[in-house]
């Protein structure tokens, strides 16, 4: 984003290249004000997302009160695990004063599984997810690999709807 950081904006911190491509596809949607989103370079793992968030984005969020952050991670849920395990671990690292402006979203397992299942590129997945916002009305958001995002999606839409969506 080349605009004013004092204006409302979203910073997306993706875990890996696949998530970065999904985020890049998201801003391709005509439904989105792409100038209000900054997509950071992928961190290289969910723990690195947390570390980068704490080291770089926490100070930025405290300086720029209009900044909203999306931590875009894989929940890597396998037999015996839950997305809540990873979500709890990540959210424990979000300072209390910023919790209402930080959102954790991602594919239940890995983006590659969603790509295979949907038979779409990562960028197309992102674009279709954006097209389903701000009303959360498309089948991709309700897919078993994404439906766990429902609460976070509802929360973030309350924050970003006024400045992120053109419709």
Protein backbone atom coordinates (compact mmCIF):
# COMPACT_ATOMS: atom_id res chain seq x y z
CA UNK A 1 0.00 0.00 0.00
CA UNK A 2 1.50 3.26 -1.03
CA UNK A 3 -1.12 5.33 0.76
CA UNK A 4 -1.33 6.91 4.15
CA UNK A 5 -0.82 4.42 7.01
CA UNK A 6 -2.96 6.69 9.17
CA UNK A 7 -5.95 5.60 7.07
CA UNK A 8 -7.66 2.28 7.77
CA UNK A 9 -5.71 -0.58 6.22
CA UNK A 10 -5.10 -4.31 6.53
CA UNK A 11 -1.69 -5.95 6.78
CA UNK A 12 -1.68 -9.64 5.83
CA UNK A 13 1.16 -11.77 7.15
CA UNK A 14 1.07 -15.12 5.29
CA UNK A 15 2.74 -18.24 6.60
CA UNK A 16 3.99 -19.58 3.29
CA UNK A 17 4.06 -18.97 -0.44
CA UNK A 18 0.70 -20.69 -1.02
CA UNK A 19 -1.01 -18.40 1.52
CA UNK A 20 0.72 -15.38 -0.02
CA UNK A 21 -0.69 -16.36 -3.42
CA UNK A 22 -4.19 -16.70 -1.93
CA UNK A 23 -3.84 -13.22 -0.42
CA UNK A 24 -2.63 -11.84 -3.75
CA UNK A 25 -5.66 -13.41 -5.42
CA UNK A 26 -7.92 -11.81 -2.82
CA UNK A 27 -6.91 -8.32 -3.94
CA UNK A 28 -7.64 -9.18 -7.57
CA UNK A 29 -11.36 -9.13 -6.83
CA UNK A 30 -13.24 -6.10 -8.09
CA UNK A 31 -15.06 -6.23 -4.75
CA UNK A 32 -11.90 -5.16 -2.85
CA UNK A 33 -10.19 -1.81 -2.30
CA UNK A 34 -6.72 -3.20 -3.01
CA UNK A 35 -5.08 0.07 -1.93
CA UNK A 36 -6.19 -0.69 1.63
CA UNK A 37 -4.27 -3.99 1.88
CA UNK A 38 -0.57 -4.64 2.38
CA UNK A 39 0.50 -8.24 1.79
CA UNK A 40 3.77 -8.89 3.54
CA UNK A 41 6.30 -11.41 2.24
CA UNK A 42 5.56 -14.88 3.59
CA UNK A 43 7.20 -15.66 6.90
CA UNK A 44 8.19 -19.30 6.37
CA UNK A 45 6.09 -21.07 9.01
CA UNK A 46 3.37 -20.29 11.50
CA UNK A 47 5.84 -19.78 14.36
CA UNK A 48 7.68 -17.26 12.21
CA UNK A 49 4.35 -15.52 11.54
CA UNK A 50 3.90 -15.13 15.30
CA UNK A 51 7.47 -13.92 15.76
CA UNK A 52 7.27 -11.42 12.91
CA UNK A 53 3.93 -10.20 14.20
CA UNK A 54 5.34 -9.63 17.68
CA UNK A 55 8.60 -8.03 16.52
CA UNK A 56 7.37 -5.87 13.64
CA UNK A 57 3.61 -5.54 13.54
CA UNK A 58 2.81 -5.00 17.22
CA UNK A 59 4.80 -1.73 17.27
CA UNK A 60 3.24 -0.70 13.94
CA UNK A 61 -0.27 -1.41 15.22
CA UNK A 62 0.36 0.67 18.30
CA UNK A 63 1.65 3.52 16.16
CA UNK A 64 -1.05 3.28 13.50
CA UNK A 65 -4.40 2.80 15.22
CA UNK A 66 -6.17 2.22 11.89
CA UNK A 67 -4.08 -0.89 11.17
CA UNK A 68 -5.78 -4.30 11.16
CA UNK A 69 -3.66 -7.46 10.88
CA UNK A 70 -4.51 -10.84 9.40
CA UNK A 71 -2.26 -13.73 10.36
CA UNK A 72 -2.79 -16.14 7.47
CA UNK A 73 -1.65 -19.58 8.62
CA UNK A 74 -2.15 -23.27 7.94
CA UNK A 75 -3.95 -24.96 10.81
CA UNK A 76 -2.31 -28.28 9.85
CA UNK A 77 -5.06 -30.32 11.45
CA UNK A 78 -4.35 -33.99 11.32
CA UNK A 79 -5.90 -36.90 13.17
CA UNK A 80 -6.10 -36.13 16.85
CA UNK A 81 -5.52 -32.39 16.48
CA UNK A 82 -7.87 -29.46 16.23
CA UNK A 83 -7.65 -26.07 14.58
CA UNK A 84 -8.36 -24.71 18.06
CA UNK A 85 -4.97 -26.03 19.24
CA UNK A 86 -3.08 -23.88 16.75
CA UNK A 87 -5.52 -20.98 17.07
CA UNK A 88 -5.11 -20.92 20.86
CA UNK A 89 -1.33 -21.01 20.58
CA UNK A 90 -1.31 -18.12 18.12
CA UNK A 91 -3.89 -15.99 19.91
CA UNK A 92 -2.01 -16.33 23.22
CA UNK A 93 0.74 -14.32 21.54
CA UNK A 94 -1.52 -11.40 20.66
CA UNK A 95 -1.37 -8.57 23.22
CA UNK A 96 -4.71 -7.87 24.89
CA UNK A 97 -4.80 -4.27 23.66
CA UNK A 98 -4.61 -5.46 20.03
CA UNK A 99 -6.87 -8.54 20.07
CA UNK A 100 -9.78 -6.65 18.53
CA UNK A 101 -7.61 -5.73 15.49
CA UNK A 102 -5.80 -9.05 14.89
CA UNK A 103 -7.43 -11.95 13.07
CA UNK A 104 -6.18 -15.49 12.47
CA UNK A 105 -7.44 -17.16 9.30
CA UNK A 106 -6.37 -20.11 7.20
CA UNK A 107 -7.01 -23.48 5.67
CA UNK A 108 -7.83 -26.29 8.12
CA UNK A 109 -4.98 -28.44 6.82
CA UNK A 110 -2.85 -26.88 4.06
CA UNK A 111 -3.69 -24.63 1.09
CA UNK A 112 -2.47 -27.32 -1.29
CA UNK A 113 -5.36 -29.57 -0.24
CA UNK A 114 -7.84 -26.78 -0.93
CA UNK A 115 -6.23 -26.15 -4.31
CA UNK A 116 -6.51 -29.83 -5.25
CA UNK A 117 -10.07 -30.13 -3.98
CA UNK A 118 -11.32 -26.95 -5.66
CA UNK A 119 -9.32 -27.48 -8.88
CA UNK A 120 -8.36 -23.77 -8.81
CA UNK A 121 -5.11 -21.86 -8.56
CA UNK A 122 -4.26 -20.24 -5.23
CA UNK A 123 -4.89 -16.83 -6.79
CA UNK A 124 -8.34 -17.89 -8.03
CA UNK A 125 -9.17 -19.25 -4.58
CA UNK A 126 -8.29 -15.86 -3.08
CA UNK A 127 -10.35 -14.01 -5.66
CA UNK A 128 -13.41 -16.20 -5.06
CA UNK A 129 -13.06 -15.81 -1.29
CA UNK A 130 -13.00 -12.02 -1.75
CA UNK A 131 -16.02 -12.18 -4.03
CA UNK A 132 -17.87 -13.96 -1.19
CA UNK A 133 -17.22 -11.05 1.14
CA UNK A 134 -18.53 -9.01 2.82
CA UNK A 135 -21.64 -11.17 3.01
CA UNK A 136 -19.84 -14.52 3.35
CA UNK A 137 -22.08 -15.92 0.65
CA UNK A 138 -20.26 -18.48 -1.44
CA UNK A 139 -19.65 -22.18 -1.20
CA UNK A 140 -15.89 -21.88 -0.84
CA UNK A 141 -16.17 -20.18 2.57
CA UNK A 142 -18.41 -23.04 3.74
CA UNK A 143 -16.10 -25.79 2.51
CA UNK A 144 -14.92 -28.15 5.26
CA UNK A 145 -11.36 -26.81 4.83
CA UNK A 146 -12.46 -23.19 5.46
CA UNK A 147 -15.68 -23.24 7.50
CA UNK A 148 -13.76 -23.13 10.80
CA UNK A 149 -12.94 -19.48 9.92
CA UNK A 150 -16.56 -18.43 10.40
CA UNK A 151 -16.13 -16.68 13.77
CA UNK A 152 -12.95 -14.86 12.76
CA UNK A 153 -14.47 -13.92 9.42
CA UNK A 154 -17.52 -12.43 11.13
CA UNK A 155 -15.27 -10.52 13.51
CA UNK A 156 -12.99 -9.11 10.82
CA UNK A 157 -15.84 -8.12 8.54
CA UNK A 158 -17.17 -5.85 11.28
CA UNK A 159 -13.81 -4.06 11.32
CA UNK A 160 -12.96 -3.83 7.62
CA UNK A 161 -16.31 -3.63 5.82
CA UNK A 162 -16.40 0.21 5.76
CA UNK A 163 -13.07 0.64 3.99
CA UNK A 164 -12.20 -2.64 2.29
CA UNK A 165 -15.24 -3.52 0.21
CA UNK A 166 -16.49 -1.47 -2.69
CA UNK A 167 -19.98 -2.93 -2.77
